[in-house]
Amino acid sequence: MSSAEISAGASTEAAISRPPGRNERLADRTFSILAHSSALAIVLLVAYILWEIGIQALPAIADNGISFIFGSVWDVQKSTFGILPAIWGTLYSALMALLIGGFFGITVAIFLTQDFLPPRLSMVFRTVIEMLAAIPSVVFGLWGIFVVIPAIRPLANWLHETLGWLPFFGTSLSGPGLLPAALVLAIMVLPTVAAISQDALQLVPFRTKEAAYGMGTTRWEAILKVMLPTAAGGIFSALVLGFGRALGETMALAMLIGNSNQISLSLFAPANTLASLLASSFPEAGAIERQALMYAALVLLAITLAVNMFGTFMLALTTRRISGKS
């Protein structure tokens, strides 16, 4: 090694090991202040939203109490409001969408992370799936009305005629209903589940898979018995966040679910959700109904925040466990 190279290496080492200068300390402190301020601003914004909705919902909370959540009648003329059918429709449609979209999302994540495709082709598929998240909700709704409902109506009616004694097929599909809404919603949550599941699988150390192969496992045994259990926490958080995404969807559900205030197990019956109730009723609502809708919005916001916070916590916990941090 020449003396010039030794001198250059020594100067580089000195530059790295020297204490930070005044400008660097100022930049670090500025960035730290901005980061903490942004985090605090987000917390304050959420608190402000909850406060504003709560203040406007307070008269409805005082008048209806807990019966508002367990009531099943929404009658503006009699000032009787209950959101149990909307809560049922919200949870039922979101759970169905999660079962469908979660299965395909995890399958896509395995397909894109476990070397089934060349890296460039895998990147193309990943980009296409992520583009689904950029499609407007109303476009999904129109697609559901003109494509999904006509496509599944023959099968739905056949199931009703053949297995109508089962509660899940107790009605025919005459138009909008739970199943078409859930199918479209599954496509909308698929990018969320697939993206976070890919991150969870990629966080698993490569030596874990090598150790599984060294023990004589096949490719699918390594994936199903080693990779998926190791990344189970991250995948679970992906499902929880996808569930939260499904709970808050509005326009596509309002166009496809039928907006019928009833509780039914039938996959083909029209139903209602909290988000579609707000979207369809708020523009023409009077003062009393607006207060009840704010109460419903508060319930929906509480459910969505709880689900998303739980999913985020599970993702952070899994990341720390895989990386070996306490």
C-alpha atoms as a PDB file:
ATOM      1  CA  MET A   1       0.000   0.000   0.000  1.00  0.00           C
ATOM      2  CA  SER A   2       1.437   3.386  -0.981  1.00  0.00           C
ATOM      3  CA  SER A   3       2.004   6.249   1.404  1.00  0.00           C
ATOM      4  CA  ALA A   4      -0.687   8.291  -0.397  1.00  0.00           C
ATOM      5  CA  GLU A   5      -3.292   5.546   0.187  1.00  0.00           C
ATOM      6  CA  ILE A   6      -2.263   5.253   3.821  1.00  0.00           C
ATOM      7  CA  SER A   7      -2.569   9.014   4.244  1.00  0.00           C
ATOM      8  CA  ALA A   8      -5.993   9.078   2.558  1.00  0.00           C
ATOM      9  CA  GLY A   9      -7.215   6.231   4.752  1.00  0.00           C
ATOM     10  CA  ALA A  10      -5.974   7.959   7.890  1.00  0.00           C
ATOM     11  CA  SER A  11      -7.701  11.216   6.942  1.00  0.00           C
ATOM     12  CA  THR A  12     -10.957   9.397   6.215  1.00  0.00           C
ATOM     13  CA  GLU A  13     -10.800   7.604   9.573  1.00  0.00           C
ATOM     14  CA  ALA A  14     -10.122  10.889  11.326  1.00  0.00           C
ATOM     15  CA  ALA A  15     -13.073  12.524   9.581  1.00  0.00           C
ATOM     16  CA  ILE A  16     -15.368   9.695  10.655  1.00  0.00           C
ATOM     17  CA  SER A  17     -14.154   9.564  14.258  1.00  0.00           C
ATOM     18  CA  ARG A  18     -14.154  13.306  14.871  1.00  0.00           C
ATOM     19  CA  PRO A  19     -16.954  14.799  16.980  1.00  0.00           C
ATOM     20  CA  PRO A  20     -19.847  16.382  15.069  1.00  0.00           C
ATOM     21  CA  GLY A  21     -19.438  20.000  14.170  1.00  0.00           C
ATOM     22  CA  ARG A  22     -21.697  22.883  15.087  1.00  0.00           C
ATOM     23  CA  ASN A  23     -23.682  22.776  11.831  1.00  0.00           C
ATOM     24  CA  GLU A  24     -24.182  19.015  12.120  1.00  0.00           C
ATOM     25  CA  ARG A  25     -25.452  19.320  15.693  1.00  0.00           C
ATOM     26  CA  LEU A  26     -27.796  22.104  14.602  1.00  0.00           C
ATOM     27  CA  ALA A  27     -29.117  19.996  11.721  1.00  0.00           C
ATOM     28  CA  ASP A  28     -29.666  16.993  14.013  1.00  0.00           C
ATOM     29  CA  ARG A  29     -31.461  19.078  16.600  1.00  0.00           C
ATOM     30  CA  THR A  30     -33.636  20.735  13.940  1.00  0.00           C
ATOM     31  CA  PHE A  31     -34.598  17.371  12.476  1.00  0.00           C
ATOM     32  CA  SER A  32     -35.357  15.995  15.949  1.00  0.00           C
ATOM     33  CA  ILE A  33     -37.578  18.963  16.756  1.00  0.00           C
ATOM     34  CA  LEU A  34     -39.424  18.653  13.450  1.00  0.00           C
ATOM     35  CA  ALA A  35     -39.947  14.916  13.919  1.00  0.00           C
ATOM     36  CA  HIS A  36     -41.295  15.306  17.461  1.00  0.00           C
ATOM     37  CA  SER A  37     -43.458  18.249  16.401  1.00  0.00           C
ATOM     38  CA  SER A  38     -44.955  16.252  13.539  1.00  0.00           C
ATOM     39  CA  ALA A  39     -45.728  13.318  15.814  1.00  0.00           C
ATOM     40  CA  LEU A  40     -47.316  15.626  18.368  1.00  0.00           C
ATOM     41  CA  ALA A  41     -49.308  17.373  15.631  1.00  0.00           C
ATOM     42  CA  ILE A  42     -50.739  14.035  14.466  1.00  0.00           C
ATOM     43  CA  VAL A  43     -51.778  13.125  18.012  1.00  0.00           C
ATOM     44  CA  LEU A  44     -53.356  16.553  18.521  1.00  0.00           C
ATOM     45  CA  LEU A  45     -55.166  16.295  15.179  1.00  0.00           C
ATOM     46  CA  VAL A  46     -56.689  12.942  16.109  1.00  0.00           C
ATOM     47  CA  ALA A  47     -57.650  14.304  19.514  1.00  0.00           C
ATOM     48  CA  TYR A  48     -59.211  17.376  17.875  1.00  0.00           C
ATOM     49  CA  ILE A  49     -61.236  15.230  15.466  1.00  0.00           C
ATOM     50  CA  LEU A  50     -62.489  13.085  18.336  1.00  0.00           C
ATOM     51  CA  TRP A  51     -63.331  16.211  20.326  1.00  0.00           C
ATOM     52  CA  GLU A  52     -65.273  17.866  17.511  1.00  0.00           C
ATOM     53  CA  ILE A  53     -67.234  14.726  16.659  1.00  0.00           C
ATOM     54  CA  GLY A  54     -67.865  14.035  20.348  1.00  0.00           C
ATOM     55  CA  ILE A  55     -69.151  17.555  21.013  1.00  0.00           C
ATOM     56  CA  GLN A  56     -71.605  17.347  18.108  1.00  0.00           C
ATOM     57  CA  ALA A  57     -72.653  13.820  19.100  1.00  0.00           C
ATOM     58  CA  LEU A  58     -73.142  14.720  22.770  1.00  0.00           C
ATOM     59  CA  PRO A  59     -76.908  15.531  22.493  1.00  0.00           C
ATOM     60  CA  ALA A  60     -77.530  12.187  20.761  1.00  0.00           C
ATOM     61  CA  ILE A  61     -75.449  10.386  23.374  1.00  0.00           C
ATOM     62  CA  ALA A  62     -77.499  12.028  26.141  1.00  0.00           C
ATOM     63  CA  ASP A  63     -80.834  11.237  24.454  1.00  0.00           C
ATOM     64  CA  ASN A  64     -80.159   7.681  23.266  1.00  0.00           C
ATOM     65  CA  GLY A  65     -77.421   6.365  25.512  1.00  0.00           C
ATOM     66  CA  ILE A  66     -76.207   2.832  24.971  1.00  0.00           C
ATOM     67  CA  SER A  67     -79.513   1.849  23.323  1.00  0.00           C
ATOM     68  CA  PHE A  68     -78.273   3.675  20.217  1.00  0.00           C
ATOM     69  CA  ILE A  69     -75.653   0.970  19.698  1.00  0.00           C
ATOM     70  CA  PHE A  70     -78.025  -1.951  20.318  1.00  0.00           C
ATOM     71  CA  GLY A  71     -81.102  -0.501  18.601  1.00  0.00           C
ATOM     72  CA  SER A  72     -82.145  -1.745  15.168  1.00  0.00           C
ATOM     73  CA  VAL A  73     -84.535   0.988  13.989  1.00  0.00           C
ATOM     74  CA  TRP A  74     -83.490   4.143  12.154  1.00  0.00           C
ATOM     75  CA  ASP A  75     -86.613   6.281  11.902  1.00  0.00           C
ATOM     76  CA  VAL A  76     -86.054  10.002  11.429  1.00  0.00           C
ATOM     77  CA  GLN A  77     -89.767  10.831  11.718  1.00  0.00           C
ATOM     78  CA  LYS A  78     -89.990   9.271  15.177  1.00  0.00           C
ATOM     79  CA  SER A  79     -86.470  10.376  16.178  1.00  0.00           C
ATOM     80  CA  THR A  80     -85.608   6.741  16.864  1.00  0.00           C
ATOM     81  CA  PHE A  81     -82.069   5.799  15.983  1.00  0.00           C
ATOM     82  CA  GLY A  82     -80.216   2.506  16.270  1.00  0.00           C
ATOM     83  CA  ILE A  83     -77.078   1.363  14.507  1.00  0.00           C
ATOM     84  CA  LEU A  84     -76.851  -2.337  15.363  1.00  0.00           C
ATOM     85  CA  PRO A  85     -77.696  -3.414  11.758  1.00  0.00           C
ATOM     86  CA  ALA A  86     -75.042  -0.994  10.450  1.00  0.00           C
ATOM     87  CA  ILE A  87     -72.466  -2.322  12.930  1.00  0.00           C
ATOM     88  CA  TRP A  88     -73.393  -5.873  11.894  1.00  0.00           C
ATOM     89  CA  GLY A  89     -73.049  -5.040   8.194  1.00  0.00           C
ATOM     90  CA  THR A  90     -69.747  -3.253   8.788  1.00  0.00           C
ATOM     91  CA  LEU A  91     -68.186  -6.161  10.660  1.00  0.00           C
ATOM     92  CA  TYR A  92     -69.745  -8.865   8.460  1.00  0.00           C
ATOM     93  CA  SER A  93     -68.664  -7.340   5.151  1.00  0.00           C
ATOM     94  CA  ALA A  94     -65.195  -6.452   6.491  1.00  0.00           C
ATOM     95  CA  LEU A  95     -64.663  -9.966   7.861  1.00  0.00           C
ATOM     96  CA  MET A  96     -65.752 -11.579   4.584  1.00  0.00           C
ATOM     97  CA  ALA A  97     -63.465  -9.252   2.639  1.00  0.00           C
ATOM     98  CA  LEU A  98     -60.610 -10.054   5.000  1.00  0.00           C
ATOM     99  CA  LEU A  99     -61.081 -13.811   4.565  1.00  0.00           C
ATOM    100  CA  ILE A 100     -60.950 -13.488   0.780  1.00  0.00           C
ATOM    101  CA  GLY A 101     -58.441 -10.655   0.416  1.00  0.00           C
ATOM    102  CA  GLY A 102     -56.290 -11.964   3.258  1.00  0.00           C
ATOM    103  CA  PHE A 103     -55.935 -15.404   1.687  1.00  0.00           C
ATOM    104  CA  PHE A 104     -54.963 -14.012  -1.710  1.00  0.00           C
ATOM    105  CA  GLY A 105     -52.801 -11.275  -0.171  1.00  0.00           C
ATOM    106  CA  ILE A 106     -50.722 -13.776   1.809  1.00  0.00           C
ATOM    107  CA  THR A 107     -50.528 -16.041  -1.243  1.00  0.00           C
ATOM    108  CA  VAL A 108     -49.245 -13.152  -3.356  1.00  0.00           C
ATOM    109  CA  ALA A 109     -46.711 -12.249  -0.662  1.00  0.00           C
ATOM    110  CA  ILE A 110     -45.353 -15.812  -0.655  1.00  0.00           C
ATOM    111  CA  PHE A 111     -45.289 -15.864  -4.438  1.00  0.00           C
ATOM    112  CA  LEU A 112     -43.306 -12.608  -4.645  1.00  0.00           C
ATOM    113  CA  THR A 113     -40.826 -13.211  -1.810  1.00  0.00           C
ATOM    114  CA  GLN A 114     -39.932 -16.894  -2.019  1.00  0.00           C
ATOM    115  CA  ASP A 115     -38.107 -16.873  -5.375  1.00  0.00           C
ATOM    116  CA  PHE A 116     -40.935 -18.188  -7.533  1.00  0.00           C
ATOM    117  CA  LEU A 117     -40.272 -15.424 -10.070  1.00  0.00           C
ATOM    118  CA  PRO A 118     -37.172 -13.660 -11.403  1.00  0.00           C
ATOM    119  CA  PRO A 119     -36.503 -10.411  -9.495  1.00  0.00           C
ATOM    120  CA  ARG A 120     -37.505  -8.117 -12.387  1.00  0.00           C
ATOM    121  CA  LEU A 121     -40.764  -9.949 -13.052  1.00  0.00           C
ATOM    122  CA  SER A 122     -41.492  -9.997  -9.341  1.00  0.00           C
ATOM    123  CA  MET A 123     -41.054  -6.217  -9.250  1.00  0.00           C
ATOM    124  CA  VAL A 124     -43.563  -5.852 -12.112  1.00  0.00           C
ATOM    125  CA  PHE A 125     -46.179  -7.910 -10.245  1.00  0.00           C
ATOM    126  CA  ARG A 126     -45.505  -5.994  -7.035  1.00  0.00           C
ATOM    127  CA  THR A 127     -46.039  -2.682  -8.845  1.00  0.00           C
ATOM    128  CA  VAL A 128     -49.283  -3.883 -10.435  1.00  0.00           C
ATOM    129  CA  ILE A 129     -50.662  -4.987  -7.064  1.00  0.00           C
ATOM    130  CA  GLU A 130     -49.682  -1.716  -5.421  1.00  0.00           C
ATOM    131  CA  MET A 131     -51.451   0.167  -8.218  1.00  0.00           C
ATOM    132  CA  LEU A 132     -54.736  -1.341  -7.028  1.00  0.00           C
ATOM    133  CA  ALA A 133     -54.502   0.938  -3.999  1.00  0.00           C
ATOM    134  CA  ALA A 134     -54.487   3.992  -6.302  1.00  0.00           C
ATOM    135  CA  ILE A 135     -57.807   3.166  -7.993  1.00  0.00           C
ATOM    136  CA  PRO A 136     -60.598   5.447  -6.680  1.00  0.00           C
ATOM    137  CA  SER A 137     -63.247   3.812  -4.550  1.00  0.00           C
ATOM    138  CA  VAL A 138     -66.070   4.976  -6.812  1.00  0.00           C
ATOM    139  CA  VAL A 139     -64.449   3.191  -9.752  1.00  0.00           C
ATOM    140  CA  PHE A 140     -64.464  -0.037  -7.762  1.00  0.00           C
ATOM    141  CA  GLY A 141     -68.130   0.610  -7.003  1.00  0.00           C
ATOM    142  CA  LEU A 142     -69.041   1.065 -10.661  1.00  0.00           C
ATOM    143  CA  TRP A 143     -67.066  -2.029 -11.597  1.00  0.00           C
ATOM    144  CA  GLY A 144     -68.930  -3.971  -8.940  1.00  0.00           C
ATOM    145  CA  ILE A 145     -72.327  -2.830 -10.214  1.00  0.00           C
ATOM    146  CA  PHE A 146     -71.732  -3.494 -13.905  1.00  0.00           C
ATOM    147  CA  VAL A 147     -69.372  -6.495 -13.730  1.00  0.00           C
ATOM    148  CA  VAL A 148     -69.362  -8.297 -10.378  1.00  0.00           C
ATOM    149  CA  ILE A 149     -73.108  -8.414  -9.662  1.00  0.00           C
ATOM    150  CA  PRO A 150     -74.103  -9.719 -13.142  1.00  0.00           C
ATOM    151  CA  ALA A 151     -71.237 -12.228 -13.033  1.00  0.00           C
ATOM    152  CA  ILE A 152     -72.144 -13.807  -9.693  1.00  0.00           C
ATOM    153  CA  ARG A 153     -75.949 -13.530  -9.915  1.00  0.00           C
ATOM    154  CA  PRO A 154     -76.504 -16.913 -11.712  1.00  0.00           C
ATOM    155  CA  LEU A 155     -74.371 -18.770  -9.157  1.00  0.00           C
ATOM    156  CA  ALA A 156     -75.969 -16.914  -6.253  1.00  0.00           C
ATOM    157  CA  ASN A 157     -79.490 -17.714  -7.418  1.00  0.00           C
ATOM    158  CA  TRP A 158     -78.538 -21.362  -7.999  1.00  0.00           C
ATOM    159  CA  LEU A 159     -77.161 -21.596  -4.479  1.00  0.00           C
ATOM    160  CA  HIS A 160     -80.351 -20.047  -3.138  1.00  0.00           C
ATOM    161  CA  GLU A 161     -82.543 -22.489  -5.035  1.00  0.00           C
ATOM    162  CA  THR A 162     -80.401 -25.508  -4.112  1.00  0.00           C
ATOM    163  CA  LEU A 163     -79.187 -24.669  -0.605  1.00  0.00           C
ATOM    164  CA  GLY A 164     -81.707 -22.055   0.437  1.00  0.00           C
ATOM    165  CA  TRP A 165     -82.324 -23.898   3.707  1.00  0.00           C
ATOM    166  CA  LEU A 166     -78.907 -22.694   4.855  1.00  0.00           C
ATOM    167  CA  PRO A 167     -78.978 -19.221   6.446  1.00  0.00           C
ATOM    168  CA  PHE A 168     -76.032 -18.086   4.294  1.00  0.00           C
ATOM    169  CA  PHE A 169     -78.038 -18.642   1.086  1.00  0.00           C
ATOM    170  CA  GLY A 170     -81.466 -17.747   2.445  1.00  0.00           C
ATOM    171  CA  THR A 171     -82.181 -15.025  -0.139  1.00  0.00           C
ATOM    172  CA  SER A 172     -81.594 -14.538  -3.838  1.00  0.00           C
ATOM    173  CA  LEU A 173     -79.271 -11.893  -5.267  1.00  0.00           C
ATOM    174  CA  SER A 174     -81.577  -9.437  -6.977  1.00  0.00           C
ATOM    175  CA  GLY A 175     -79.077  -6.563  -6.948  1.00  0.00           C
ATOM    176  CA  PRO A 176     -76.688  -5.043  -4.420  1.00  0.00           C
ATOM    177  CA  GLY A 177     -75.879  -7.241  -1.460  1.00  0.00           C
ATOM    178  CA  LEU A 178     -73.230  -8.379   0.990  1.00  0.00           C
ATOM    179  CA  LEU A 179     -71.372 -10.772  -1.317  1.00  0.00           C
ATOM    180  CA  PRO A 180     -70.637  -8.368  -4.196  1.00  0.00           C
ATOM    181  CA  ALA A 181     -69.674  -5.695  -1.674  1.00  0.00           C
ATOM    182  CA  ALA A 182     -67.334  -8.117   0.109  1.00  0.00           C
ATOM    183  CA  LEU A 183     -65.732  -9.293  -3.148  1.00  0.00           C
ATOM    184  CA  VAL A 184     -64.939  -5.751  -4.245  1.00  0.00           C
ATOM    185  CA  LEU A 185     -63.783  -4.848  -0.751  1.00  0.00           C
ATOM    186  CA  ALA A 186     -61.460  -7.880  -0.775  1.00  0.00           C
ATOM    187  CA  ILE A 187     -59.725  -6.525  -3.879  1.00  0.00           C
ATOM    188  CA  MET A 188     -59.375  -3.150  -2.176  1.00  0.00           C
ATOM    189  CA  VAL A 189     -57.708  -4.568   0.953  1.00  0.00           C
ATOM    190  CA  LEU A 190     -55.476  -6.996  -0.956  1.00  0.00           C
ATOM    191  CA  PRO A 191     -52.648  -4.452  -1.582  1.00  0.00           C
ATOM    192  CA  THR A 192     -52.438  -3.641   2.136  1.00  0.00           C
ATOM    193  CA  VAL A 193     -52.283  -7.282   3.195  1.00  0.00           C
ATOM    194  CA  ALA A 194     -49.846  -8.235   0.421  1.00  0.00           C
ATOM    195  CA  ALA A 195     -47.451  -5.326   1.037  1.00  0.00           C
ATOM    196  CA  ILE A 196     -47.145  -5.777   4.812  1.00  0.00           C
ATOM    197  CA  SER A 197     -46.974  -9.577   4.503  1.00  0.00           C
ATOM    198  CA  GLN A 198     -44.099  -9.196   2.037  1.00  0.00           C
ATOM    199  CA  ASP A 199     -42.244  -6.988   4.519  1.00  0.00           C
ATOM    200  CA  ALA A 200     -42.823  -9.524   7.292  1.00  0.00           C
ATOM    201  CA  LEU A 201     -41.527 -12.419   5.176  1.00  0.00           C
ATOM    202  CA  GLN A 202     -38.502 -10.436   4.010  1.00  0.00           C
ATOM    203  CA  LEU A 203     -37.583  -9.653   7.630  1.00  0.00           C
ATOM    204  CA  VAL A 204     -37.093 -13.360   8.341  1.00  0.00           C
ATOM    205  CA  PRO A 205     -33.307 -13.996   8.255  1.00  0.00           C
ATOM    206  CA  PHE A 206     -32.169 -15.980   5.241  1.00  0.00           C
ATOM    207  CA  ARG A 207     -30.241 -18.355   7.487  1.00  0.00           C
ATOM    208  CA  THR A 208     -33.573 -19.497   8.913  1.00  0.00           C
ATOM    209  CA  LYS A 209     -34.601 -20.836   5.527  1.00  0.00           C
ATOM    210  CA  GLU A 210     -31.125 -22.294   4.984  1.00  0.00           C
ATOM    211  CA  ALA A 211     -31.373 -24.110   8.310  1.00  0.00           C
ATOM    212  CA  ALA A 212     -34.746 -25.539   7.280  1.00  0.00           C
ATOM    213  CA  TYR A 213     -33.297 -26.797   3.998  1.00  0.00           C
ATOM    214  CA  GLY A 214     -30.349 -28.210   5.926  1.00  0.00           C
ATOM    215  CA  MET A 215     -32.790 -30.258   8.019  1.00  0.00           C
ATOM    216  CA  GLY A 216     -34.100 -31.847   4.812  1.00  0.00           C
ATOM    217  CA  THR A 217     -37.367 -29.937   4.341  1.00  0.00           C
ATOM    218  CA  THR A 218     -38.903 -29.403   0.940  1.00  0.00           C
ATOM    219  CA  ARG A 219     -39.516 -25.932  -0.437  1.00  0.00           C
ATOM    220  CA  TRP A 220     -43.159 -25.834   0.637  1.00  0.00           C
ATOM    221  CA  GLU A 221     -42.394 -27.351   4.027  1.00  0.00           C
ATOM    222  CA  ALA A 222     -39.839 -24.587   4.610  1.00  0.00           C
ATOM    223  CA  ILE A 223     -42.389 -21.946   3.592  1.00  0.00           C
ATOM    224  CA  LEU A 224     -45.409 -23.293   5.461  1.00  0.00           C
ATOM    225  CA  LYS A 225     -43.706 -24.695   8.573  1.00  0.00           C
ATOM    226  CA  VAL A 226     -40.806 -22.272   9.031  1.00  0.00           C
ATOM    227  CA  MET A 227     -41.219 -18.989   7.142  1.00  0.00           C
ATOM    228  CA  LEU A 228     -44.920 -18.388   7.803  1.00  0.00           C
ATOM    229  CA  PRO A 229     -44.800 -19.234  11.536  1.00  0.00           C
ATOM    230  CA  THR A 230     -41.729 -17.008  11.962  1.00  0.00           C
ATOM    231  CA  ALA A 231     -43.464 -14.109  10.216  1.00  0.00           C
ATOM    232  CA  ALA A 232     -46.857 -14.890  11.763  1.00  0.00           C
ATOM    233  CA  GLY A 233     -46.958 -11.739  13.884  1.00  0.00           C
ATOM    234  CA  GLY A 234     -46.297  -9.452  10.922  1.00  0.00           C
ATOM    235  CA  ILE A 235     -48.803 -11.298   8.766  1.00  0.00           C
ATOM    236  CA  PHE A 236     -51.364 -11.055  11.536  1.00  0.00           C
ATOM    237  CA  SER A 237     -50.788  -7.313  11.782  1.00  0.00           C
ATOM    238  CA  ALA A 238     -51.260  -7.090   8.003  1.00  0.00           C
ATOM    239  CA  LEU A 239     -54.629  -8.788   8.382  1.00  0.00           C
ATOM    240  CA  VAL A 240     -55.592  -6.457  11.213  1.00  0.00           C
ATOM    241  CA  LEU A 241     -54.634  -3.363   9.215  1.00  0.00           C
ATOM    242  CA  GLY A 242     -56.494  -4.745   6.199  1.00  0.00           C
ATOM    243  CA  PHE A 243     -59.511  -5.244   8.445  1.00  0.00           C
ATOM    244  CA  GLY A 244     -59.242  -1.638   9.578  1.00  0.00           C
ATOM    245  CA  ARG A 245     -59.061  -0.531   5.945  1.00  0.00           C
ATOM    246  CA  ALA A 246     -62.212  -2.508   5.186  1.00  0.00           C
ATOM    247  CA  LEU A 247     -64.096  -1.045   8.153  1.00  0.00           C
ATOM    248  CA  GLY A 248     -63.687   2.520   6.925  1.00  0.00           C
ATOM    249  CA  GLU A 249     -64.470   2.027   3.237  1.00  0.00           C
ATOM    250  CA  THR A 250     -67.371   4.222   2.129  1.00  0.00           C
ATOM    251  CA  MET A 251     -68.244   4.813  -1.520  1.00  0.00           C
ATOM    252  CA  ALA A 252     -67.842   1.297  -2.912  1.00  0.00           C
ATOM    253  CA  LEU A 253     -69.841  -0.127   0.005  1.00  0.00           C
ATOM    254  CA  ALA A 254     -72.536   2.533  -0.319  1.00  0.00           C
ATOM    255  CA  MET A 255     -72.937   1.606  -4.005  1.00  0.00           C
ATOM    256  CA  LEU A 256     -72.848  -2.181  -3.587  1.00  0.00           C
ATOM    257  CA  ILE A 257     -74.222  -3.254  -0.217  1.00  0.00           C
ATOM    258  CA  GLY A 258     -77.817  -2.129  -0.722  1.00  0.00           C
ATOM    259  CA  ASN A 259     -78.231   0.258   2.260  1.00  0.00           C
ATOM    260  CA  SER A 260     -80.897  -1.880   3.916  1.00  0.00           C
ATOM    261  CA  ASN A 261     -81.204  -1.540   7.693  1.00  0.00           C
ATOM    262  CA  GLN A 262     -81.510  -5.237   8.554  1.00  0.00           C
ATOM    263  CA  ILE A 263     -79.532  -8.035  10.188  1.00  0.00           C
ATOM    264  CA  SER A 264     -79.189 -11.168   8.075  1.00  0.00           C
ATOM    265  CA  LEU A 265     -76.723 -14.025   7.697  1.00  0.00           C
ATOM    266  CA  SER A 266     -77.509 -14.352   4.004  1.00  0.00           C
ATOM    267  CA  LEU A 267     -74.595 -13.492   1.741  1.00  0.00           C
ATOM    268  CA  PHE A 268     -76.971 -12.233  -0.923  1.00  0.00           C
ATOM    269  CA  ALA A 269     -79.190  -9.992   1.230  1.00  0.00           C
ATOM    270  CA  PRO A 270     -78.774  -6.206   1.130  1.00  0.00           C
ATOM    271  CA  ALA A 271     -77.333  -4.684   4.284  1.00  0.00           C
ATOM    272  CA  ASN A 272     -75.866  -1.458   5.603  1.00  0.00           C
ATOM    273  CA  THR A 273     -72.588  -0.232   7.085  1.00  0.00           C
ATOM    274  CA  LEU A 274     -71.720   2.680   9.320  1.00  0.00           C
ATOM    275  CA  ALA A 275     -69.731   4.386   6.569  1.00  0.00           C
ATOM    276  CA  SER A 276     -72.455   3.992   3.936  1.00  0.00           C
ATOM    277  CA  LEU A 277     -75.078   5.151   6.476  1.00  0.00           C
ATOM    278  CA  LEU A 278     -73.104   8.352   6.983  1.00  0.00           C
ATOM    279  CA  ALA A 279     -72.528   8.889   3.271  1.00  0.00           C
ATOM    280  CA  SER A 280     -76.153   8.343   2.262  1.00  0.00           C
ATOM    281  CA  SER A 281     -77.901  10.143   5.149  1.00  0.00           C
ATOM    282  CA  PHE A 282     -75.712  13.109   6.012  1.00  0.00           C
ATOM    283  CA  PRO A 283     -76.411  15.399   3.001  1.00  0.00           C
ATOM    284  CA  GLU A 284     -80.152  15.640   3.781  1.00  0.00           C
ATOM    285  CA  ALA A 285     -80.026  15.184   7.557  1.00  0.00           C
ATOM    286  CA  GLY A 286     -81.728  17.582   9.908  1.00  0.00           C
ATOM    287  CA  ALA A 287     -80.294  18.751  13.210  1.00  0.00           C
ATOM    288  CA  ILE A 288     -81.444  15.744  15.277  1.00  0.00           C
ATOM    289  CA  GLU A 289     -80.429  13.173  12.673  1.00  0.00           C
ATOM    290  CA  ARG A 290     -77.087  14.914  12.211  1.00  0.00           C
ATOM    291  CA  GLN A 291     -76.365  14.488  15.903  1.00  0.00           C
ATOM    292  CA  ALA A 292     -77.221  10.786  15.642  1.00  0.00           C
ATOM    293  CA  LEU A 293     -74.960  10.449  12.613  1.00  0.00           C
ATOM    294  CA  MET A 294     -72.140  12.069  14.553  1.00  0.00           C
ATOM    295  CA  TYR A 295     -72.710   9.474  17.262  1.00  0.00           C
ATOM    296  CA  ALA A 296     -72.463   6.760  14.597  1.00  0.00           C
ATOM    297  CA  ALA A 297     -69.280   8.369  13.245  1.00  0.00           C
ATOM    298  CA  LEU A 298     -67.809   8.347  16.744  1.00  0.00           C
ATOM    299  CA  VAL A 299     -68.535   4.619  17.062  1.00  0.00           C
ATOM    300  CA  LEU A 300     -66.988   3.892  13.651  1.00  0.00           C
ATOM    301  CA  LEU A 301     -63.932   5.989  14.444  1.00  0.00           C
ATOM    302  CA  ALA A 302     -63.452   4.222  17.764  1.00  0.00           C
ATOM    303  CA  ILE A 303     -63.659   0.775  16.123  1.00  0.00           C
ATOM    304  CA  THR A 304     -61.280   1.740  13.304  1.00  0.00           C
ATOM    305  CA  LEU A 305     -58.732   3.385  15.595  1.00  0.00           C
ATOM    306  CA  ALA A 306     -58.718   0.404  17.949  1.00  0.00           C
ATOM    307  CA  VAL A 307     -58.193  -2.084  15.114  1.00  0.00           C
ATOM    308  CA  ASN A 308     -55.424  -0.071  13.450  1.00  0.00           C
ATOM    309  CA  MET A 309     -53.597   0.612  16.714  1.00  0.00           C
ATOM    310  CA  PHE A 310     -53.673  -3.087  17.552  1.00  0.00           C
ATOM    311  CA  GLY A 311     -52.319  -3.992  14.111  1.00  0.00           C
ATOM    312  CA  THR A 312     -49.531  -1.422  14.336  1.00  0.00           C
ATOM    313  CA  PHE A 313     -48.558  -2.694  17.767  1.00  0.00           C
ATOM    314  CA  MET A 314     -48.409  -6.287  16.483  1.00  0.00           C
ATOM    315  CA  LEU A 315     -46.237  -5.245  13.536  1.00  0.00           C
ATOM    316  CA  ALA A 316     -43.778  -3.396  15.781  1.00  0.00           C
ATOM    317  CA  LEU A 317     -43.667  -6.311  18.217  1.00  0.00           C
ATOM    318  CA  THR A 318     -42.955  -8.802  15.434  1.00  0.00           C
ATOM    319  CA  THR A 319     -40.228  -6.610  13.927  1.00  0.00           C
ATOM    320  CA  ARG A 320     -38.446  -6.417  17.275  1.00  0.00           C
ATOM    321  CA  ARG A 321     -38.757 -10.167  17.845  1.00  0.00           C
ATOM    322  CA  ILE A 322     -37.363 -11.080  14.421  1.00  0.00           C
ATOM    323  CA  SER A 323     -34.502  -8.600  14.679  1.00  0.00           C
ATOM    324  CA  GLY A 324     -33.578  -9.993  18.102  1.00  0.00           C
ATOM    325  CA  LYS A 325     -34.200  -6.771  20.024  1.00  0.00           C
ATOM    326  CA  SER A 326     -35.768  -6.927  23.465  1.00  0.00           C
END
